Amino acid sequence: MAIPDFWLYAGFLTLVVILLALDLGVFNRTPHVVKVSEALGWTAFWITLALAFNGFVYFYKGPIAAKEFFAGYLLEQSLSVDNIFVIILILRYFKVAPQYHHKVLFWGIIGALFMRGSMIGLGAALLDTFHWIFYILGAFLVFTGIRMAFQDENAEDLSDNFVVRYSRKFLRVTADYHQERFTVVQNGIRFFTPLFVVLLVVEVTDLVFAVDSIPAIFAVTNDTFIVFTSNIFAVMGLRSLFFAVAGVMNLFHYLKYGLSVILSFIGVKMIIQDWFEIPIDYALGLIAVVLALSILASLIFPEKTED
């Protein structure tokens, strides 16, 4: 007997809420510096959970849907690496103490869940009504892939970031941090802290990345449930992945070129799907191979540093 879509979404969202409550209320009640070993353990947990859910998709929806889920999850995880690099720059720029990184990322992910869920729902409705949007999104992904290969992440000036400018203009922001608090009351007036501004910048950054990544998953599958769940699992694991790879990000300097190829490929796949359908097995294989080659090339040919 098939489970109605409402109960599928309700069950999945209940699982997400329980996991987030355990994360913040039990395992990370006290702010602390997340060690690499702890981050690796949580990363393994989220990956294992995603693969277990993929098993559910296999038995409930069949092998094709399971391959689509895995391809979408792998695609989101790979694209989130570029997101992690930008978040590192944000936290460094604002000089956020390491013990408060977890809280910023936790609430950033809460906001990302709502934003991405809304974007996926809207995207599914638009694509179902206006098929020609596939071509526009495909061209946008090709453009994004090419741009990614040539842009310099280190060149971003966060002092000119519009979120920073407008938050300082329209919000009462304290001059100093107040530990892990987002707001404080001074002389009977509530102020936001710089940590709240950091959270806003992280949220907007994820929104920008979602504009690239969500259309890419729709090129893999039209099943909204698979798009939603694979995206959410990748976002849920983003925080632990951040702590696991933050210290070694500079080792993978060729990864952005691999992501550029993947985004461009997904864009082409979306544009030509009405005339030539690329099987999910080939798409999944190409994503995995390109990721592996870009990581391997980074390790074999390390980036030269200036003395």
C-alpha atoms as a PDB file:
ATOM      1  CA  MET A   1       0.000   0.000   0.000  1.00  0.00           C
ATOM      2  CA  ALA A   2       1.489   3.347  -1.053  1.00  0.00           C
ATOM      3  CA  ILE A   3       2.022   6.011   1.596  1.00  0.00           C
ATOM      4  CA  PRO A   4       0.303   9.334   0.740  1.00  0.00           C
ATOM      5  CA  ASP A   5       2.709  12.171  -0.010  1.00  0.00           C
ATOM      6  CA  PHE A   6       1.482  14.137   3.011  1.00  0.00           C
ATOM      7  CA  TRP A   7       2.578  11.421   5.418  1.00  0.00           C
ATOM      8  CA  LEU A   8       5.891  10.979   3.614  1.00  0.00           C
ATOM      9  CA  TYR A   9       6.729  14.664   4.083  1.00  0.00           C
ATOM     10  CA  ALA A  10       5.312  14.724   7.628  1.00  0.00           C
ATOM     11  CA  GLY A  11       7.388  11.702   8.641  1.00  0.00           C
ATOM     12  CA  PHE A  12      10.549  13.100   7.094  1.00  0.00           C
ATOM     13  CA  LEU A  13      10.118  16.556   8.675  1.00  0.00           C
ATOM     14  CA  THR A  14       9.439  14.939  12.053  1.00  0.00           C
ATOM     15  CA  LEU A  15      12.735  13.070  11.734  1.00  0.00           C
ATOM     16  CA  VAL A  16      14.537  16.329  10.875  1.00  0.00           C
ATOM     17  CA  VAL A  17      13.030  18.174  13.862  1.00  0.00           C
ATOM     18  CA  ILE A  18      13.990  15.345  16.255  1.00  0.00           C
ATOM     19  CA  LEU A  19      17.562  15.278  14.952  1.00  0.00           C
ATOM     20  CA  LEU A  20      17.951  19.055  15.218  1.00  0.00           C
ATOM     21  CA  ALA A  21      16.491  19.071  18.745  1.00  0.00           C
ATOM     22  CA  LEU A  22      18.940  16.359  19.832  1.00  0.00           C
ATOM     23  CA  ASP A  23      21.798  18.219  18.181  1.00  0.00           C
ATOM     24  CA  LEU A  24      21.218  21.566  19.902  1.00  0.00           C
ATOM     25  CA  GLY A  25      19.519  20.414  23.109  1.00  0.00           C
ATOM     26  CA  VAL A  26      21.599  17.342  23.984  1.00  0.00           C
ATOM     27  CA  PHE A  27      24.876  16.993  22.110  1.00  0.00           C
ATOM     28  CA  ASN A  28      25.820  20.663  21.760  1.00  0.00           C
ATOM     29  CA  ARG A  29      24.184  22.428  24.700  1.00  0.00           C
ATOM     30  CA  THR A  30      27.470  24.043  25.718  1.00  0.00           C
ATOM     31  CA  PRO A  31      29.419  26.156  23.163  1.00  0.00           C
ATOM     32  CA  HIS A  32      32.745  24.515  22.417  1.00  0.00           C
ATOM     33  CA  VAL A  33      35.391  24.242  19.745  1.00  0.00           C
ATOM     34  CA  VAL A  34      34.465  21.326  17.485  1.00  0.00           C
ATOM     35  CA  LYS A  35      37.490  19.071  16.998  1.00  0.00           C
ATOM     36  CA  VAL A  36      38.221  17.359  13.700  1.00  0.00           C
ATOM     37  CA  SER A  37      37.610  13.911  15.222  1.00  0.00           C
ATOM     38  CA  GLU A  38      34.168  14.984  16.470  1.00  0.00           C
ATOM     39  CA  ALA A  39      33.342  16.543  13.100  1.00  0.00           C
ATOM     40  CA  LEU A  40      34.388  13.390  11.238  1.00  0.00           C
ATOM     41  CA  GLY A  41      32.152  11.314  13.500  1.00  0.00           C
ATOM     42  CA  TRP A  42      29.154  13.541  12.816  1.00  0.00           C
ATOM     43  CA  THR A  43      29.937  13.622   9.094  1.00  0.00           C
ATOM     44  CA  ALA A  44      29.958   9.811   9.049  1.00  0.00           C
ATOM     45  CA  PHE A  45      26.650   9.824  10.952  1.00  0.00           C
ATOM     46  CA  TRP A  46      24.907  12.141   8.457  1.00  0.00           C
ATOM     47  CA  ILE A  47      26.247  10.238   5.452  1.00  0.00           C
ATOM     48  CA  THR A  48      25.156   6.909   6.986  1.00  0.00           C
ATOM     49  CA  LEU A  49      21.714   8.331   7.727  1.00  0.00           C
ATOM     50  CA  ALA A  50      21.387   9.612   4.144  1.00  0.00           C
ATOM     51  CA  LEU A  51      22.399   6.206   2.749  1.00  0.00           C
ATOM     52  CA  ALA A  52      19.911   4.477   5.068  1.00  0.00           C
ATOM     53  CA  PHE A  53      17.193   6.789   3.792  1.00  0.00           C
ATOM     54  CA  ASN A  54      18.333   5.966   0.274  1.00  0.00           C
ATOM     55  CA  GLY A  55      17.591   2.338   1.154  1.00  0.00           C
ATOM     56  CA  PHE A  56      14.045   3.354   2.086  1.00  0.00           C
ATOM     57  CA  VAL A  57      13.706   5.166  -1.255  1.00  0.00           C
ATOM     58  CA  TYR A  58      14.924   2.001  -3.030  1.00  0.00           C
ATOM     59  CA  PHE A  59      12.339  -0.276  -1.410  1.00  0.00           C
ATOM     60  CA  TYR A  60       9.500   2.241  -1.591  1.00  0.00           C
ATOM     61  CA  LYS A  61      10.043   3.927  -4.959  1.00  0.00           C
ATOM     62  CA  GLY A  62      12.347   1.521  -6.787  1.00  0.00           C
ATOM     63  CA  PRO A  63      15.965   1.435  -8.023  1.00  0.00           C
ATOM     64  CA  ILE A  64      15.656   4.372 -10.449  1.00  0.00           C
ATOM     65  CA  ALA A  65      14.401   6.673  -7.686  1.00  0.00           C
ATOM     66  CA  ALA A  66      17.188   5.442  -5.395  1.00  0.00           C
ATOM     67  CA  LYS A  67      19.814   6.307  -8.023  1.00  0.00           C
ATOM     68  CA  GLU A  68      18.222   9.732  -8.472  1.00  0.00           C
ATOM     69  CA  PHE A  69      18.324  10.344  -4.725  1.00  0.00           C
ATOM     70  CA  PHE A  70      21.979   9.324  -4.521  1.00  0.00           C
ATOM     71  CA  ALA A  71      22.908  11.452  -7.529  1.00  0.00           C
ATOM     72  CA  GLY A  72      21.067  14.455  -6.056  1.00  0.00           C
ATOM     73  CA  TYR A  73      22.676  13.951  -2.651  1.00  0.00           C
ATOM     74  CA  LEU A  74      26.158  13.580  -4.139  1.00  0.00           C
ATOM     75  CA  LEU A  75      25.612  16.653  -6.295  1.00  0.00           C
ATOM     76  CA  GLU A  76      24.448  18.750  -3.333  1.00  0.00           C
ATOM     77  CA  GLN A  77      27.285  17.545  -1.128  1.00  0.00           C
ATOM     78  CA  SER A  78      29.872  18.409  -3.768  1.00  0.00           C
ATOM     79  CA  LEU A  79      28.397  21.869  -4.371  1.00  0.00           C
ATOM     80  CA  SER A  80      28.242  22.507  -0.631  1.00  0.00           C
ATOM     81  CA  VAL A  81      32.039  22.318  -0.488  1.00  0.00           C
ATOM     82  CA  ASP A  82      32.221  25.627  -2.360  1.00  0.00           C
ATOM     83  CA  ASN A  83      29.637  26.992   0.071  1.00  0.00           C
ATOM     84  CA  ILE A  84      31.855  25.914   2.969  1.00  0.00           C
ATOM     85  CA  PHE A  85      34.792  27.862   1.570  1.00  0.00           C
ATOM     86  CA  VAL A  86      32.751  31.080   1.499  1.00  0.00           C
ATOM     87  CA  ILE A  87      31.451  30.478   5.046  1.00  0.00           C
ATOM     88  CA  ILE A  88      35.056  30.095   6.219  1.00  0.00           C
ATOM     89  CA  LEU A  89      35.851  33.510   4.744  1.00  0.00           C
ATOM     90  CA  ILE A  90      32.787  35.013   6.449  1.00  0.00           C
ATOM     91  CA  LEU A  91      33.675  33.650   9.903  1.00  0.00           C
ATOM     92  CA  ARG A  92      37.295  34.734   9.519  1.00  0.00           C
ATOM     93  CA  TYR A  93      36.346  38.221   8.352  1.00  0.00           C
ATOM     94  CA  PHE A  94      34.033  38.789  11.324  1.00  0.00           C
ATOM     95  CA  LYS A  95      36.548  37.177  13.729  1.00  0.00           C
ATOM     96  CA  VAL A  96      33.923  34.850  15.216  1.00  0.00           C
ATOM     97  CA  ALA A  97      35.385  32.820  18.086  1.00  0.00           C
ATOM     98  CA  PRO A  98      35.681  29.116  17.135  1.00  0.00           C
ATOM     99  CA  GLN A  99      33.439  27.979  20.002  1.00  0.00           C
ATOM    100  CA  TYR A 100      30.540  29.945  18.479  1.00  0.00           C
ATOM    101  CA  HIS A 101      30.890  28.645  14.925  1.00  0.00           C
ATOM    102  CA  HIS A 102      28.538  25.754  15.667  1.00  0.00           C
ATOM    103  CA  LYS A 103      25.686  28.015  16.808  1.00  0.00           C
ATOM    104  CA  VAL A 104      25.949  30.259  13.752  1.00  0.00           C
ATOM    105  CA  LEU A 105      25.951  27.261  11.421  1.00  0.00           C
ATOM    106  CA  PHE A 106      23.124  25.522  13.324  1.00  0.00           C
ATOM    107  CA  TRP A 107      20.717  28.457  13.027  1.00  0.00           C
ATOM    108  CA  GLY A 108      21.971  29.118   9.528  1.00  0.00           C
ATOM    109  CA  ILE A 109      20.882  25.605   8.597  1.00  0.00           C
ATOM    110  CA  ILE A 110      17.464  26.142  10.232  1.00  0.00           C
ATOM    111  CA  GLY A 111      16.931  29.131   7.959  1.00  0.00           C
ATOM    112  CA  ALA A 112      18.296  27.218   4.971  1.00  0.00           C
ATOM    113  CA  LEU A 113      15.749  24.427   5.515  1.00  0.00           C
ATOM    114  CA  PHE A 114      12.840  26.865   5.278  1.00  0.00           C
ATOM    115  CA  MET A 115      14.293  28.784   2.326  1.00  0.00           C
ATOM    116  CA  ARG A 116      15.198  25.710   0.319  1.00  0.00           C
ATOM    117  CA  GLY A 117      11.890  24.019   1.048  1.00  0.00           C
ATOM    118  CA  SER A 118      10.059  27.084  -0.259  1.00  0.00           C
ATOM    119  CA  MET A 119      12.311  27.328  -3.317  1.00  0.00           C
ATOM    120  CA  ILE A 120      11.844  23.651  -4.157  1.00  0.00           C
ATOM    121  CA  GLY A 121       8.057  23.938  -3.861  1.00  0.00           C
ATOM    122  CA  LEU A 122       7.998  27.044  -6.037  1.00  0.00           C
ATOM    123  CA  GLY A 123      10.440  25.545  -8.533  1.00  0.00           C
ATOM    124  CA  ALA A 124       8.402  22.360  -8.882  1.00  0.00           C
ATOM    125  CA  ALA A 125       5.214  24.350  -9.512  1.00  0.00           C
ATOM    126  CA  LEU A 126       6.870  26.571 -12.115  1.00  0.00           C
ATOM    127  CA  LEU A 127       8.548  23.693 -13.944  1.00  0.00           C
ATOM    128  CA  ASP A 128       5.308  21.750 -14.000  1.00  0.00           C
ATOM    129  CA  THR A 129       3.426  24.738 -15.440  1.00  0.00           C
ATOM    130  CA  PHE A 130       6.067  26.323 -17.666  1.00  0.00           C
ATOM    131  CA  HIS A 131       8.252  23.645 -19.247  1.00  0.00           C
ATOM    132  CA  TRP A 132      10.362  26.201 -21.087  1.00  0.00           C
ATOM    133  CA  ILE A 133      11.889  27.270 -17.760  1.00  0.00           C
ATOM    134  CA  PHE A 134      14.051  24.123 -18.022  1.00  0.00           C
ATOM    135  CA  TYR A 135      15.960  25.744 -20.885  1.00  0.00           C
ATOM    136  CA  ILE A 136      16.500  28.982 -18.962  1.00  0.00           C
ATOM    137  CA  LEU A 137      17.691  27.145 -15.859  1.00  0.00           C
ATOM    138  CA  GLY A 138      19.938  24.930 -17.958  1.00  0.00           C
ATOM    139  CA  ALA A 139      21.573  27.939 -19.602  1.00  0.00           C
ATOM    140  CA  PHE A 140      21.949  29.559 -16.170  1.00  0.00           C
ATOM    141  CA  LEU A 141      23.750  26.473 -14.813  1.00  0.00           C
ATOM    142  CA  VAL A 142      26.128  26.424 -17.791  1.00  0.00           C
ATOM    143  CA  PHE A 143      26.865  30.113 -17.204  1.00  0.00           C
ATOM    144  CA  THR A 144      27.373  29.496 -13.467  1.00  0.00           C
ATOM    145  CA  GLY A 145      29.715  26.594 -14.152  1.00  0.00           C
ATOM    146  CA  ILE A 146      31.876  28.675 -16.480  1.00  0.00           C
ATOM    147  CA  ARG A 147      31.897  31.591 -14.036  1.00  0.00           C
ATOM    148  CA  MET A 148      32.937  29.315 -11.172  1.00  0.00           C
ATOM    149  CA  ALA A 149      36.044  28.209 -13.065  1.00  0.00           C
ATOM    150  CA  PHE A 150      37.307  31.785 -13.400  1.00  0.00           C
ATOM    151  CA  GLN A 151      36.183  33.546 -10.222  1.00  0.00           C
ATOM    152  CA  ASP A 152      38.532  34.172  -7.315  1.00  0.00           C
ATOM    153  CA  GLU A 153      36.844  33.461  -3.978  1.00  0.00           C
ATOM    154  CA  ASN A 154      39.607  35.265  -2.089  1.00  0.00           C
ATOM    155  CA  ALA A 155      38.769  38.513  -3.870  1.00  0.00           C
ATOM    156  CA  GLU A 156      35.386  38.962  -2.139  1.00  0.00           C
ATOM    157  CA  ASP A 157      35.246  42.094   0.028  1.00  0.00           C
ATOM    158  CA  LEU A 158      32.745  41.451   2.810  1.00  0.00           C
ATOM    159  CA  SER A 159      32.960  45.025   4.038  1.00  0.00           C
ATOM    160  CA  ASP A 160      31.026  45.966   0.893  1.00  0.00           C
ATOM    161  CA  ASN A 161      28.495  43.133   1.320  1.00  0.00           C
ATOM    162  CA  PHE A 162      24.969  44.581   1.030  1.00  0.00           C
ATOM    163  CA  VAL A 163      23.752  42.545   4.034  1.00  0.00           C
ATOM    164  CA  VAL A 164      26.480  44.066   6.183  1.00  0.00           C
ATOM    165  CA  ARG A 165      25.778  47.585   4.904  1.00  0.00           C
ATOM    166  CA  TYR A 166      22.014  47.473   5.389  1.00  0.00           C
ATOM    167  CA  SER A 167      22.092  45.640   8.720  1.00  0.00           C
ATOM    168  CA  ARG A 168      24.349  48.342  10.146  1.00  0.00           C
ATOM    169  CA  LYS A 169      22.105  51.006   8.611  1.00  0.00           C
ATOM    170  CA  PHE A 170      18.712  49.736   9.742  1.00  0.00           C
ATOM    171  CA  LEU A 171      19.474  47.627  12.843  1.00  0.00           C
ATOM    172  CA  ARG A 172      20.839  48.624  16.228  1.00  0.00           C
ATOM    173  CA  VAL A 173      24.040  46.567  16.377  1.00  0.00           C
ATOM    174  CA  THR A 174      26.412  46.488  19.330  1.00  0.00           C
ATOM    175  CA  ALA A 175      30.077  47.230  18.774  1.00  0.00           C
ATOM    176  CA  ASP A 176      31.257  44.024  20.456  1.00  0.00           C
ATOM    177  CA  TYR A 177      30.265  40.367  20.598  1.00  0.00           C
ATOM    178  CA  HIS A 178      28.318  39.132  23.623  1.00  0.00           C
ATOM    179  CA  GLN A 179      29.451  35.515  23.689  1.00  0.00           C
ATOM    180  CA  GLU A 180      26.978  33.335  21.725  1.00  0.00           C
ATOM    181  CA  ARG A 181      24.020  35.747  21.998  1.00  0.00           C
ATOM    182  CA  PHE A 182      22.302  37.203  18.931  1.00  0.00           C
ATOM    183  CA  THR A 183      20.568  40.002  20.873  1.00  0.00           C
ATOM    184  CA  VAL A 184      21.170  41.857  24.142  1.00  0.00           C
ATOM    185  CA  VAL A 185      19.265  44.484  26.140  1.00  0.00           C
ATOM    186  CA  GLN A 186      21.205  47.623  27.038  1.00  0.00           C
ATOM    187  CA  ASN A 187      19.578  50.502  28.946  1.00  0.00           C
ATOM    188  CA  GLY A 188      16.181  48.973  28.292  1.00  0.00           C
ATOM    189  CA  ILE A 189      16.730  48.833  24.521  1.00  0.00           C
ATOM    190  CA  ARG A 190      17.259  45.593  22.587  1.00  0.00           C
ATOM    191  CA  PHE A 191      20.291  45.488  20.333  1.00  0.00           C
ATOM    192  CA  PHE A 192      21.463  42.927  17.825  1.00  0.00           C
ATOM    193  CA  THR A 193      25.015  41.670  18.177  1.00  0.00           C
ATOM    194  CA  PRO A 194      27.608  41.271  15.404  1.00  0.00           C
ATOM    195  CA  LEU A 195      26.977  37.516  15.639  1.00  0.00           C
ATOM    196  CA  PHE A 196      23.447  38.122  14.316  1.00  0.00           C
ATOM    197  CA  VAL A 197      24.904  40.038  11.358  1.00  0.00           C
ATOM    198  CA  VAL A 198      27.166  37.051  10.668  1.00  0.00           C
ATOM    199  CA  LEU A 199      24.094  34.794  10.721  1.00  0.00           C
ATOM    200  CA  LEU A 200      22.324  37.043   8.197  1.00  0.00           C
ATOM    201  CA  VAL A 201      25.338  36.943   5.860  1.00  0.00           C
ATOM    202  CA  VAL A 202      25.508  33.133   6.114  1.00  0.00           C
ATOM    203  CA  GLU A 203      21.767  32.851   5.348  1.00  0.00           C
ATOM    204  CA  VAL A 204      22.007  35.069   2.265  1.00  0.00           C
ATOM    205  CA  THR A 205      25.111  33.179   1.119  1.00  0.00           C
ATOM    206  CA  ASP A 206      23.230  29.874   1.317  1.00  0.00           C
ATOM    207  CA  LEU A 207      20.340  31.418  -0.610  1.00  0.00           C
ATOM    208  CA  VAL A 208      22.738  32.393  -3.403  1.00  0.00           C
ATOM    209  CA  PHE A 209      24.175  28.880  -3.542  1.00  0.00           C
ATOM    210  CA  ALA A 210      20.673  27.371  -3.499  1.00  0.00           C
ATOM    211  CA  VAL A 211      19.850  29.318  -6.668  1.00  0.00           C
ATOM    212  CA  ASP A 212      22.575  27.244  -8.364  1.00  0.00           C
ATOM    213  CA  SER A 213      22.147  23.877  -6.674  1.00  0.00           C
ATOM    214  CA  ILE A 214      18.359  23.414  -6.619  1.00  0.00           C
ATOM    215  CA  PRO A 215      17.935  23.738 -10.425  1.00  0.00           C
ATOM    216  CA  ALA A 216      20.806  21.249 -10.766  1.00  0.00           C
ATOM    217  CA  ILE A 217      18.878  18.599  -8.802  1.00  0.00           C
ATOM    218  CA  PHE A 218      15.759  19.197 -10.903  1.00  0.00           C
ATOM    219  CA  ALA A 219      17.922  18.198 -13.870  1.00  0.00           C
ATOM    220  CA  VAL A 220      18.492  14.843 -12.143  1.00  0.00           C
ATOM    221  CA  THR A 221      14.880  14.117 -11.171  1.00  0.00           C
ATOM    222  CA  ASN A 222      11.406  15.657 -11.344  1.00  0.00           C
ATOM    223  CA  ASP A 223      10.298  13.844  -8.173  1.00  0.00           C
ATOM    224  CA  THR A 224       9.830  16.701  -5.691  1.00  0.00           C
ATOM    225  CA  PHE A 225      10.122  14.372  -2.692  1.00  0.00           C
ATOM    226  CA  ILE A 226      13.541  13.162  -3.840  1.00  0.00           C
ATOM    227  CA  VAL A 227      14.664  16.711  -4.652  1.00  0.00           C
ATOM    228  CA  PHE A 228      13.571  17.900  -1.206  1.00  0.00           C
ATOM    229  CA  THR A 229      14.954  15.038   0.882  1.00  0.00           C
ATOM    230  CA  SER A 230      18.321  14.769  -0.900  1.00  0.00           C
ATOM    231  CA  ASN A 231      18.757  18.544  -0.593  1.00  0.00           C
ATOM    232  CA  ILE A 232      17.847  18.585   3.108  1.00  0.00           C
ATOM    233  CA  PHE A 233      20.160  15.676   3.946  1.00  0.00           C
ATOM    234  CA  ALA A 234      23.034  17.495   2.259  1.00  0.00           C
ATOM    235  CA  VAL A 235      22.246  20.723   4.136  1.00  0.00           C
ATOM    236  CA  MET A 236      21.947  18.871   7.463  1.00  0.00           C
ATOM    237  CA  GLY A 237      25.426  17.439   6.994  1.00  0.00           C
ATOM    238  CA  LEU A 238      26.921  20.765   5.921  1.00  0.00           C
ATOM    239  CA  ARG A 239      27.780  21.865   9.459  1.00  0.00           C
ATOM    240  CA  SER A 240      29.810  18.783  10.395  1.00  0.00           C
ATOM    241  CA  LEU A 241      31.421  18.756   6.942  1.00  0.00           C
ATOM    242  CA  PHE A 242      32.490  22.358   7.560  1.00  0.00           C
ATOM    243  CA  PHE A 243      34.415  21.426  10.714  1.00  0.00           C
ATOM    244  CA  ALA A 244      35.829  18.289   9.087  1.00  0.00           C
ATOM    245  CA  VAL A 245      37.346  19.984   6.037  1.00  0.00           C
ATOM    246  CA  ALA A 246      37.840  23.625   7.119  1.00  0.00           C
ATOM    247  CA  GLY A 247      41.471  23.030   7.973  1.00  0.00           C
ATOM    248  CA  VAL A 248      42.349  21.299   4.706  1.00  0.00           C
ATOM    249  CA  MET A 249      40.288  23.278   2.201  1.00  0.00           C
ATOM    250  CA  ASN A 250      43.414  24.733   0.578  1.00  0.00           C
ATOM    251  CA  LEU A 251      44.518  21.220  -0.395  1.00  0.00           C
ATOM    252  CA  PHE A 252      41.661  20.826  -2.877  1.00  0.00           C
ATOM    253  CA  HIS A 253      42.431  23.782  -5.137  1.00  0.00           C
ATOM    254  CA  TYR A 254      41.303  21.941  -8.300  1.00  0.00           C
ATOM    255  CA  LEU A 255      37.903  21.088  -6.836  1.00  0.00           C
ATOM    256  CA  LYS A 256      36.258  24.250  -8.125  1.00  0.00           C
ATOM    257  CA  TYR A 257      37.141  23.227 -11.693  1.00  0.00           C
ATOM    258  CA  GLY A 258      35.504  19.856 -11.121  1.00  0.00           C
ATOM    259  CA  LEU A 259      32.385  21.576  -9.774  1.00  0.00           C
ATOM    260  CA  SER A 260      32.478  23.862 -12.823  1.00  0.00           C
ATOM    261  CA  VAL A 261      32.411  20.846 -15.152  1.00  0.00           C
ATOM    262  CA  ILE A 262      29.599  19.204 -13.158  1.00  0.00           C
ATOM    263  CA  LEU A 263      27.370  22.299 -13.161  1.00  0.00           C
ATOM    264  CA  SER A 264      27.936  22.851 -16.889  1.00  0.00           C
ATOM    265  CA  PHE A 265      27.159  19.194 -17.607  1.00  0.00           C
ATOM    266  CA  ILE A 266      23.949  19.327 -15.561  1.00  0.00           C
ATOM    267  CA  GLY A 267      22.944  22.500 -17.410  1.00  0.00           C
ATOM    268  CA  VAL A 268      23.473  20.853 -20.806  1.00  0.00           C
ATOM    269  CA  LYS A 269      21.545  17.786 -19.586  1.00  0.00           C
ATOM    270  CA  MET A 270      18.632  20.019 -18.651  1.00  0.00           C
ATOM    271  CA  ILE A 271      18.647  21.829 -22.017  1.00  0.00           C
ATOM    272  CA  ILE A 272      18.760  18.724 -24.241  1.00  0.00           C
ATOM    273  CA  GLN A 273      16.525  16.401 -22.211  1.00  0.00           C
ATOM    274  CA  ASP A 274      13.574  16.803 -24.616  1.00  0.00           C
ATOM    275  CA  TRP A 275      15.710  15.477 -27.487  1.00  0.00           C
ATOM    276  CA  PHE A 276      18.234  13.257 -25.760  1.00  0.00           C
ATOM    277  CA  GLU A 277      17.794  11.838 -22.273  1.00  0.00           C
ATOM    278  CA  ILE A 278      21.079  11.113 -20.491  1.00  0.00           C
ATOM    279  CA  PRO A 279      20.493   8.040 -18.260  1.00  0.00           C
ATOM    280  CA  ILE A 280      20.846   8.613 -14.523  1.00  0.00           C
ATOM    281  CA  ASP A 281      23.595   5.950 -14.370  1.00  0.00           C
ATOM    282  CA  TYR A 282      25.788   7.985 -16.727  1.00  0.00           C
ATOM    283  CA  ALA A 283      25.052  11.259 -14.934  1.00  0.00           C
ATOM    284  CA  LEU A 284      25.846   9.715 -11.544  1.00  0.00           C
ATOM    285  CA  GLY A 285      29.025   8.143 -12.899  1.00  0.00           C
ATOM    286  CA  LEU A 286      30.241  11.407 -14.416  1.00  0.00           C
ATOM    287  CA  ILE A 287      29.641  13.349 -11.178  1.00  0.00           C
ATOM    288  CA  ALA A 288      31.587  10.765  -9.164  1.00  0.00           C
ATOM    289  CA  VAL A 289      34.459  10.526 -11.649  1.00  0.00           C
ATOM    290  CA  VAL A 290      34.883  14.304 -12.030  1.00  0.00           C
ATOM    291  CA  LEU A 291      34.881  14.779  -8.247  1.00  0.00           C
ATOM    292  CA  ALA A 292      37.430  12.001  -7.762  1.00  0.00           C
ATOM    293  CA  LEU A 293      39.714  13.312 -10.523  1.00  0.00           C
ATOM    294  CA  SER A 294      39.634  16.910  -9.227  1.00  0.00           C
ATOM    295  CA  ILE A 295      40.486  15.769  -5.687  1.00  0.00           C
ATOM    296  CA  LEU A 296      43.201  13.416  -6.944  1.00  0.00           C
ATOM    297  CA  ALA A 297      44.723  16.151  -9.126  1.00  0.00           C
ATOM    298  CA  SER A 298      44.774  18.497  -6.127  1.00  0.00           C
ATOM    299  CA  LEU A 299      46.723  15.943  -4.094  1.00  0.00           C
ATOM    300  CA  ILE A 300      49.160  15.007  -6.879  1.00  0.00           C
ATOM    301  CA  PHE A 301      49.798  18.599  -7.960  1.00  0.00           C
ATOM    302  CA  PRO A 302      49.626  20.672  -4.750  1.00  0.00           C
ATOM    303  CA  GLU A 303      49.154  24.398  -5.024  1.00  0.00           C
ATOM    304  CA  LYS A 304      52.403  26.366  -4.988  1.00  0.00           C
ATOM    305  CA  THR A 305      52.623  28.834  -2.143  1.00  0.00           C
ATOM    306  CA  GLU A 306      54.603  32.023  -2.111  1.00  0.00           C
ATOM    307  CA  ASP A 307      57.605  32.031   0.203  1.00  0.00           C
END
